[in-house]
Amino acid sequence: SYGIGSGVQSHPIDTRAVFTMYAITNPASREKLMQAINEEVQKLIDEGVMEDELSMAKEGFLQTQIKARADDSGLVSVLANN
């Protein structure tokens, strides 16, 4: 794979959330990639998110928010959007 990522988008009021995954790969590796993605999604469904992974994600999110509020252009963007 040349690149892979995922993300979650949610709203503070709406109960709906969006989970996205993407991967960039050589077309010849497509079947292997699809198998790996399906295995990871099934693992997420069966086992959920591990507590340590959730803690690290929360900490990363918090640090991103702190950094954004320390940056004038990021703070202006937040104020303008709200």
C-alpha atoms as a PDB file:
ATOM      1  CA  SER A   1       0.000   0.000   0.000  1.00  0.00           C
ATOM      2  CA  TYR A   2       1.228   3.493  -0.820  1.00  0.00           C
ATOM      3  CA  GLY A   3      -0.936   5.120   1.815  1.00  0.00           C
ATOM      4  CA  ILE A   4      -3.758   4.220   4.141  1.00  0.00           C
ATOM      5  CA  GLY A   5      -5.927   6.076   6.610  1.00  0.00           C
ATOM      6  CA  SER A   6      -9.238   6.271   8.380  1.00  0.00           C
ATOM      7  CA  GLY A   7     -11.353   8.806  10.173  1.00  0.00           C
ATOM      8  CA  VAL A   8     -14.525   9.401  12.116  1.00  0.00           C
ATOM      9  CA  GLN A   9     -16.760  12.435  11.810  1.00  0.00           C
ATOM     10  CA  SER A  10     -19.522  13.107  14.279  1.00  0.00           C
ATOM     11  CA  HIS A  11     -21.711  15.973  15.373  1.00  0.00           C
ATOM     12  CA  PRO A  12     -22.284  17.051  18.982  1.00  0.00           C
ATOM     13  CA  ILE A  13     -26.079  16.931  18.555  1.00  0.00           C
ATOM     14  CA  ASP A  14     -26.774  14.536  15.668  1.00  0.00           C
ATOM     15  CA  THR A  15     -26.523  10.860  16.646  1.00  0.00           C
ATOM     16  CA  ARG A  16     -25.198   9.909  13.199  1.00  0.00           C
ATOM     17  CA  ALA A  17     -21.470   9.436  12.613  1.00  0.00           C
ATOM     18  CA  VAL A  18     -19.400   8.692   9.511  1.00  0.00           C
ATOM     19  CA  PHE A  19     -16.489   6.236   9.506  1.00  0.00           C
ATOM     20  CA  THR A  20     -14.215   6.374   6.467  1.00  0.00           C
ATOM     21  CA  MET A  21     -11.274   4.286   5.323  1.00  0.00           C
ATOM     22  CA  TYR A  22      -9.040   4.708   2.314  1.00  0.00           C
ATOM     23  CA  ALA A  23      -6.014   3.059   0.806  1.00  0.00           C
ATOM     24  CA  ILE A  24      -3.864   3.703  -2.224  1.00  0.00           C
ATOM     25  CA  THR A  25      -2.365   0.575  -3.713  1.00  0.00           C
ATOM     26  CA  ASN A  26      -1.107  -1.045  -6.873  1.00  0.00           C
ATOM     27  CA  PRO A  27      -4.103  -2.505  -8.742  1.00  0.00           C
ATOM     28  CA  ALA A  28      -2.353  -5.878  -8.706  1.00  0.00           C
ATOM     29  CA  SER A  29      -2.594  -5.842  -4.879  1.00  0.00           C
ATOM     30  CA  ARG A  30      -6.283  -4.937  -4.786  1.00  0.00           C
ATOM     31  CA  GLU A  31      -7.563  -8.331  -3.633  1.00  0.00           C
ATOM     32  CA  LYS A  32      -5.019  -8.544  -0.795  1.00  0.00           C
ATOM     33  CA  LEU A  33      -5.910  -5.010   0.246  1.00  0.00           C
ATOM     34  CA  MET A  34      -9.647  -5.720   0.227  1.00  0.00           C
ATOM     35  CA  GLN A  35      -9.089  -8.853   2.315  1.00  0.00           C
ATOM     36  CA  ALA A  36      -7.013  -6.909   4.871  1.00  0.00           C
ATOM     37  CA  ILE A  37      -9.627  -4.134   5.084  1.00  0.00           C
ATOM     38  CA  ASN A  38     -12.458  -6.634   5.517  1.00  0.00           C
ATOM     39  CA  GLU A  39     -10.519  -8.426   8.279  1.00  0.00           C
ATOM     40  CA  GLU A  40      -9.915  -5.160  10.150  1.00  0.00           C
ATOM     41  CA  VAL A  41     -13.548  -4.056   9.853  1.00  0.00           C
ATOM     42  CA  GLN A  42     -14.722  -7.469  11.097  1.00  0.00           C
ATOM     43  CA  LYS A  43     -12.252  -7.256  13.998  1.00  0.00           C
ATOM     44  CA  LEU A  44     -13.647  -3.812  14.886  1.00  0.00           C
ATOM     45  CA  ILE A  45     -17.207  -5.175  14.792  1.00  0.00           C
ATOM     46  CA  ASP A  46     -16.352  -8.278  16.836  1.00  0.00           C
ATOM     47  CA  GLU A  47     -13.956  -6.809  19.399  1.00  0.00           C
ATOM     48  CA  GLY A  48     -14.657  -3.083  19.381  1.00  0.00           C
ATOM     49  CA  VAL A  49     -11.967  -0.513  20.052  1.00  0.00           C
ATOM     50  CA  MET A  50      -9.294  -1.472  22.558  1.00  0.00           C
ATOM     51  CA  GLU A  51      -9.159   0.769  25.646  1.00  0.00           C
ATOM     52  CA  ASP A  52      -5.519   1.792  25.095  1.00  0.00           C
ATOM     53  CA  GLU A  53      -6.225   2.713  21.457  1.00  0.00           C
ATOM     54  CA  LEU A  54      -9.205   4.803  22.544  1.00  0.00           C
ATOM     55  CA  SER A  55      -7.126   6.566  25.212  1.00  0.00           C
ATOM     56  CA  MET A  56      -4.388   7.381  22.685  1.00  0.00           C
ATOM     57  CA  ALA A  57      -6.961   8.667  20.184  1.00  0.00           C
ATOM     58  CA  LYS A  58      -8.576  10.883  22.827  1.00  0.00           C
ATOM     59  CA  GLU A  59      -5.191  12.277  23.863  1.00  0.00           C
ATOM     60  CA  GLY A  60      -4.249  12.937  20.239  1.00  0.00           C
ATOM     61  CA  PHE A  61      -7.556  14.703  19.632  1.00  0.00           C
ATOM     62  CA  LEU A  62      -7.093  16.825  22.762  1.00  0.00           C
ATOM     63  CA  GLN A  63      -3.559  17.799  21.747  1.00  0.00           C
ATOM     64  CA  THR A  64      -4.795  18.765  18.273  1.00  0.00           C
ATOM     65  CA  GLN A  65      -7.480  20.982  19.822  1.00  0.00           C
ATOM     66  CA  ILE A  66      -4.971  22.630  22.172  1.00  0.00           C
ATOM     67  CA  LYS A  67      -2.564  23.299  19.300  1.00  0.00           C
ATOM     68  CA  ALA A  68      -5.355  24.697  17.102  1.00  0.00           C
ATOM     69  CA  ARG A  69      -6.390  27.132  19.834  1.00  0.00           C
ATOM     70  CA  ALA A  70      -2.796  28.322  20.209  1.00  0.00           C
ATOM     71  CA  ASP A  71      -2.634  29.230  16.509  1.00  0.00           C
ATOM     72  CA  ASP A  72      -4.191  32.584  15.597  1.00  0.00           C
ATOM     73  CA  SER A  73      -5.430  31.481  12.174  1.00  0.00           C
ATOM     74  CA  GLY A  74      -6.932  28.283  13.631  1.00  0.00           C
ATOM     75  CA  LEU A  75      -8.644  30.240  16.395  1.00  0.00           C
ATOM     76  CA  VAL A  76     -10.068  32.762  13.933  1.00  0.00           C
ATOM     77  CA  SER A  77     -11.403  29.848  11.848  1.00  0.00           C
ATOM     78  CA  VAL A  78     -13.132  28.317  14.893  1.00  0.00           C
ATOM     79  CA  LEU A  79     -14.645  31.670  15.847  1.00  0.00           C
ATOM     80  CA  ALA A  80     -15.808  32.332  12.312  1.00  0.00           C
ATOM     81  CA  ASN A  81     -17.438  28.905  12.013  1.00  0.00           C
ATOM     82  CA  ASN A  82     -19.274  29.277  15.299  1.00  0.00           C
END
